[in-house]
């Protein structure tokens, strides 16, 4: 399945809320300075747990077996994010080329 999405900036209450969407989707790195040192922690998003191929900034491919989880995530944001999911067929060579770009 290919998933494309478009955030509707005017629907978000704030930049913080929009960033919250992207952090829940992609995850983020938290940097904590303490005692003269710098600690970095990975905060996982759904795409850290779901195997995917990034096609563009707002498009990625996931296996059918992960679609329910992705649908659930995007349904939580349906008022602020327009999402389309389309079934696609890829032969092994196409998949190999896409994976090589990662």
N, C-alpha and C. Protein backbone atom coordinates (compact mmCIF):
# COMPACT_ATOMS: atom_id res chain seq x y z
N UNK A 1 0.84 -1.18 0.00
CA UNK A 1 0.00 0.00 0.00
C UNK A 1 0.89 1.24 0.00
N UNK A 2 0.46 2.21 -0.77
CA UNK A 2 1.14 3.50 -0.71
C UNK A 2 0.23 4.45 0.06
N UNK A 3 0.82 5.18 0.96
CA UNK A 3 0.09 6.13 1.79
C UNK A 3 0.63 7.52 1.48
N UNK A 4 -0.27 8.43 1.14
CA UNK A 4 0.11 9.83 0.96
C UNK A 4 -0.73 10.65 1.94
N UNK A 5 -0.14 11.73 2.42
CA UNK A 5 -0.90 12.58 3.34
C UNK A 5 -0.53 14.04 3.15
N UNK A 6 -1.45 14.90 3.56
CA UNK A 6 -1.26 16.34 3.47
C UNK A 6 -1.82 16.96 4.74
N UNK A 7 -0.98 17.66 5.47
CA UNK A 7 -1.47 18.32 6.68
C UNK A 7 -2.21 19.59 6.29
N UNK A 8 -3.29 19.86 6.96
CA UNK A 8 -4.08 21.07 6.72
C UNK A 8 -3.75 22.05 7.84
N UNK A 9 -2.72 22.87 7.59
CA UNK A 9 -2.15 23.73 8.63
C UNK A 9 -3.19 24.58 9.35
N UNK A 10 -4.19 25.06 8.64
CA UNK A 10 -5.19 25.93 9.27
C UNK A 10 -6.10 25.18 10.24
N UNK A 11 -6.08 23.86 10.20
CA UNK A 11 -6.94 23.06 11.09
C UNK A 11 -6.27 22.76 12.43
N UNK A 12 -4.95 22.89 12.48
CA UNK A 12 -4.22 22.64 13.73
C UNK A 12 -4.37 23.84 14.66
N UNK A 13 -4.50 23.56 15.95
CA UNK A 13 -4.64 24.63 16.94
C UNK A 13 -3.35 25.44 17.10
N UNK A 14 -2.20 24.79 16.85
CA UNK A 14 -0.91 25.45 17.04
C UNK A 14 0.17 24.68 16.29
N UNK A 15 1.35 25.31 16.18
CA UNK A 15 2.50 24.61 15.61
C UNK A 15 2.87 23.41 16.47
N UNK A 16 2.69 23.56 17.79
CA UNK A 16 2.98 22.46 18.71
C UNK A 16 2.15 21.23 18.35
N UNK A 17 0.86 21.43 18.08
CA UNK A 17 -0.01 20.30 17.75
C UNK A 17 0.40 19.66 16.42
N UNK A 18 0.78 20.48 15.44
CA UNK A 18 1.23 19.95 14.15
C UNK A 18 2.52 19.15 14.34
N UNK A 19 3.44 19.67 15.14
CA UNK A 19 4.68 18.95 15.43
C UNK A 19 4.40 17.64 16.15
N UNK A 20 3.39 17.64 17.00
CA UNK A 20 2.99 16.42 17.72
C UNK A 20 2.60 15.32 16.73
N UNK A 21 1.85 15.70 15.68
CA UNK A 21 1.49 14.74 14.64
C UNK A 21 2.74 14.13 14.01
N UNK A 22 3.66 15.00 13.57
CA UNK A 22 4.87 14.50 12.90
C UNK A 22 5.74 13.67 13.84
N UNK A 23 5.82 14.05 15.10
CA UNK A 23 6.60 13.27 16.06
C UNK A 23 5.98 11.90 16.29
N UNK A 24 4.66 11.83 16.36
CA UNK A 24 4.00 10.53 16.53
C UNK A 24 4.17 9.66 15.30
N UNK A 25 4.26 10.28 14.14
CA UNK A 25 4.44 9.52 12.90
C UNK A 25 5.90 9.09 12.72
N UNK A 26 6.82 10.05 12.75
CA UNK A 26 8.23 9.78 12.43
C UNK A 26 9.12 9.53 13.64
N UNK A 27 8.68 9.91 14.82
CA UNK A 27 9.55 9.86 15.98
C UNK A 27 10.45 11.09 16.01
N UNK A 28 11.29 11.18 17.02
CA UNK A 28 12.19 12.33 17.14
C UNK A 28 13.31 12.03 18.11
N UNK A 29 14.36 12.84 18.03
CA UNK A 29 15.50 12.71 18.94
C UNK A 29 15.42 13.80 19.99
N UNK A 30 15.36 13.39 21.25
CA UNK A 30 15.32 14.34 22.36
C UNK A 30 16.74 14.55 22.85
N UNK A 31 17.15 15.80 22.96
CA UNK A 31 18.48 16.14 23.47
C UNK A 31 18.31 16.78 24.84
N UNK A 32 19.01 16.20 25.83
CA UNK A 32 18.91 16.69 27.21
C UNK A 32 20.31 17.06 27.70
N UNK A 33 20.56 18.36 27.90
CA UNK A 33 21.85 18.76 28.49
C UNK A 33 21.77 18.61 30.01
N UNK A 34 22.79 18.00 30.59
CA UNK A 34 22.81 17.80 32.04
C UNK A 34 24.24 17.67 32.52
N UNK A 35 24.58 18.44 33.51
CA UNK A 35 25.91 18.34 34.11
C UNK A 35 27.04 18.56 33.12
N UNK A 36 26.85 19.47 32.18
CA UNK A 36 27.88 19.74 31.19
C UNK A 36 27.96 18.70 30.09
N UNK A 37 27.10 17.70 30.13
CA UNK A 37 27.07 16.67 29.09
C UNK A 37 25.79 16.81 28.28
N UNK A 38 25.76 16.09 27.19
CA UNK A 38 24.60 16.13 26.31
C UNK A 38 24.13 14.69 26.09
N UNK A 39 22.90 14.42 26.45
CA UNK A 39 22.34 13.08 26.29
C UNK A 39 21.27 13.12 25.21
N UNK A 40 21.31 12.13 24.35
CA UNK A 40 20.33 12.07 23.26
C UNK A 40 19.54 10.78 23.36
N UNK A 41 18.23 10.92 23.27
CA UNK A 41 17.32 9.78 23.36
C UNK A 41 16.43 9.73 22.13
N UNK A 42 16.24 8.55 21.61
CA UNK A 42 15.32 8.37 20.48
C UNK A 42 13.92 8.13 21.02
N UNK A 43 12.99 8.97 20.62
CA UNK A 43 11.58 8.80 20.95
C UNK A 43 10.91 8.26 19.69
N UNK A 44 10.43 7.05 19.77
CA UNK A 44 9.92 6.36 18.59
C UNK A 44 8.56 6.85 18.15
N UNK A 45 8.38 6.86 16.83
CA UNK A 45 7.09 7.12 16.21
C UNK A 45 6.60 5.84 15.58
N UNK A 46 5.42 5.87 15.03
CA UNK A 46 4.83 4.67 14.45
C UNK A 46 5.68 4.11 13.30
N UNK A 47 6.32 4.99 12.52
CA UNK A 47 7.13 4.50 11.40
C UNK A 47 8.46 3.90 11.85
N UNK A 48 8.83 4.07 13.11
CA UNK A 48 9.99 3.36 13.65
C UNK A 48 9.65 1.89 13.88
N UNK A 49 8.37 1.61 14.03
CA UNK A 49 7.92 0.25 14.34
C UNK A 49 7.31 -0.47 13.14
N UNK A 50 6.91 0.28 12.12
CA UNK A 50 6.29 -0.30 10.93
C UNK A 50 7.29 -0.23 9.78
N UNK A 51 7.68 -1.38 9.22
CA UNK A 51 8.59 -1.35 8.07
C UNK A 51 7.95 -0.57 6.92
N UNK A 52 8.73 0.33 6.33
CA UNK A 52 8.20 1.17 5.26
C UNK A 52 9.31 1.62 4.33
N UNK A 53 8.91 2.10 3.18
CA UNK A 53 9.83 2.71 2.22
C UNK A 53 9.35 4.13 2.00
N UNK A 54 10.21 5.10 2.28
CA UNK A 54 9.85 6.50 2.06
C UNK A 54 9.95 6.80 0.57
N UNK A 55 8.88 7.30 -0.01
CA UNK A 55 8.84 7.64 -1.43
C UNK A 55 9.07 9.14 -1.61
N UNK A 56 8.49 9.93 -0.74
CA UNK A 56 8.63 11.39 -0.73
C UNK A 56 8.38 11.86 0.70
N UNK A 57 8.46 13.17 0.93
CA UNK A 57 8.26 13.69 2.29
C UNK A 57 6.93 13.25 2.90
N UNK A 58 5.89 13.19 2.09
CA UNK A 58 4.56 12.84 2.61
C UNK A 58 3.99 11.60 1.94
N UNK A 59 4.86 10.69 1.56
CA UNK A 59 4.41 9.45 0.92
C UNK A 59 5.35 8.30 1.29
N UNK A 60 4.76 7.15 1.62
CA UNK A 60 5.56 5.98 1.94
C UNK A 60 4.77 4.72 1.62
N UNK A 61 5.49 3.63 1.49
CA UNK A 61 4.90 2.34 1.16
C UNK A 61 5.02 1.43 2.38
N UNK A 62 3.93 0.75 2.71
CA UNK A 62 3.92 -0.24 3.78
C UNK A 62 3.26 -1.51 3.28
N UNK A 63 3.57 -2.62 3.91
CA UNK A 63 2.95 -3.90 3.55
C UNK A 63 1.50 -3.92 4.03
N UNK A 64 0.68 -4.69 3.35
CA UNK A 64 -0.74 -4.81 3.69
C UNK A 64 -0.94 -5.21 5.15
N UNK A 65 -0.05 -6.02 5.67
CA UNK A 65 -0.20 -6.51 7.04
C UNK A 65 -0.12 -5.38 8.09
N UNK A 66 0.38 -4.21 7.70
CA UNK A 66 0.50 -3.09 8.64
C UNK A 66 -0.55 -2.01 8.39
N UNK A 67 -1.43 -2.24 7.44
CA UNK A 67 -2.40 -1.20 7.07
C UNK A 67 -3.36 -0.86 8.20
N UNK A 68 -3.82 -1.83 8.94
CA UNK A 68 -4.79 -1.56 10.01
C UNK A 68 -4.19 -0.58 11.03
N UNK A 69 -2.95 -0.79 11.38
CA UNK A 69 -2.28 0.09 12.33
C UNK A 69 -2.14 1.51 11.77
N UNK A 70 -1.80 1.61 10.48
CA UNK A 70 -1.66 2.92 9.86
C UNK A 70 -3.02 3.62 9.74
N UNK A 71 -4.05 2.86 9.39
CA UNK A 71 -5.40 3.44 9.31
C UNK A 71 -5.83 3.99 10.67
N UNK A 72 -5.57 3.24 11.71
CA UNK A 72 -5.92 3.68 13.06
C UNK A 72 -5.22 4.99 13.39
N UNK A 73 -3.92 5.07 13.08
CA UNK A 73 -3.16 6.29 13.35
C UNK A 73 -3.75 7.48 12.60
N UNK A 74 -3.94 7.34 11.29
CA UNK A 74 -4.43 8.47 10.50
C UNK A 74 -5.88 8.82 10.82
N UNK A 75 -6.67 7.85 11.25
CA UNK A 75 -8.05 8.15 11.65
C UNK A 75 -8.09 9.06 12.88
N UNK A 76 -7.08 8.94 13.75
CA UNK A 76 -7.01 9.82 14.92
C UNK A 76 -6.80 11.28 14.52
N UNK A 77 -6.25 11.51 13.34
CA UNK A 77 -5.91 12.85 12.87
C UNK A 77 -6.78 13.28 11.68
N UNK A 78 -7.85 12.56 11.41
CA UNK A 78 -8.61 12.77 10.17
C UNK A 78 -9.16 14.19 9.99
N UNK A 79 -9.36 14.92 11.05
CA UNK A 79 -9.88 16.29 10.92
C UNK A 79 -8.79 17.29 10.53
N UNK A 80 -7.53 16.89 10.65
CA UNK A 80 -6.44 17.83 10.42
C UNK A 80 -5.46 17.36 9.35
N UNK A 81 -5.55 16.09 8.97
CA UNK A 81 -4.63 15.52 7.99
C UNK A 81 -5.44 14.76 6.95
N UNK A 82 -5.25 15.13 5.69
CA UNK A 82 -5.91 14.40 4.60
C UNK A 82 -4.98 13.25 4.20
N UNK A 83 -5.51 12.05 4.19
CA UNK A 83 -4.70 10.86 3.91
C UNK A 83 -5.37 10.02 2.84
N UNK A 84 -4.57 9.49 1.94
CA UNK A 84 -5.07 8.55 0.94
C UNK A 84 -4.21 7.30 0.98
N UNK A 85 -4.86 6.15 0.88
CA UNK A 85 -4.17 4.86 0.87
C UNK A 85 -4.59 4.12 -0.38
N UNK A 86 -3.60 3.68 -1.15
CA UNK A 86 -3.88 2.99 -2.40
C UNK A 86 -3.10 1.68 -2.47
N UNK A 87 -3.79 0.65 -2.89
CA UNK A 87 -3.14 -0.64 -3.06
C UNK A 87 -2.29 -0.59 -4.33
N UNK A 88 -1.06 -1.06 -4.23
CA UNK A 88 -0.18 -1.10 -5.39
C UNK A 88 0.43 -2.50 -5.51
N UNK A 89 0.87 -2.81 -6.69
CA UNK A 89 1.57 -4.07 -6.95
C UNK A 89 2.99 -3.73 -7.36
N UNK A 90 3.94 -4.41 -6.76
CA UNK A 90 5.35 -4.19 -7.11
C UNK A 90 6.00 -5.54 -7.36
N UNK A 91 6.79 -5.59 -8.43
CA UNK A 91 7.53 -6.83 -8.63
C UNK A 91 8.81 -6.76 -7.79
N UNK A 92 9.45 -7.89 -7.56
CA UNK A 92 10.62 -7.92 -6.68
C UNK A 92 11.74 -6.96 -7.11
N UNK A 93 11.92 -6.77 -8.41
CA UNK A 93 12.98 -5.87 -8.90
C UNK A 93 12.68 -4.42 -8.51
N UNK A 94 11.43 -4.00 -8.65
CA UNK A 94 11.04 -2.65 -8.24
C UNK A 94 11.29 -2.46 -6.74
N UNK A 95 10.91 -3.44 -5.97
CA UNK A 95 11.09 -3.36 -4.52
C UNK A 95 12.57 -3.27 -4.18
N UNK A 96 13.40 -4.05 -4.84
CA UNK A 96 14.84 -4.03 -4.60
C UNK A 96 15.42 -2.64 -4.90
N UNK A 97 14.99 -2.04 -6.02
CA UNK A 97 15.49 -0.71 -6.39
C UNK A 97 15.07 0.34 -5.36
N UNK A 98 13.83 0.26 -4.91
CA UNK A 98 13.36 1.20 -3.90
C UNK A 98 14.14 1.05 -2.60
N UNK A 99 14.35 -0.19 -2.18
CA UNK A 99 15.09 -0.43 -0.94
C UNK A 99 16.53 0.04 -1.05
N UNK A 100 17.12 -0.03 -2.24
CA UNK A 100 18.50 0.40 -2.45
C UNK A 100 18.64 1.91 -2.27
N UNK A 101 17.57 2.66 -2.49
CA UNK A 101 17.60 4.12 -2.34
C UNK A 101 17.61 4.53 -0.89
N UNK A 102 17.19 3.68 -0.01
CA UNK A 102 17.09 4.03 1.42
C UNK A 102 18.45 4.33 2.00
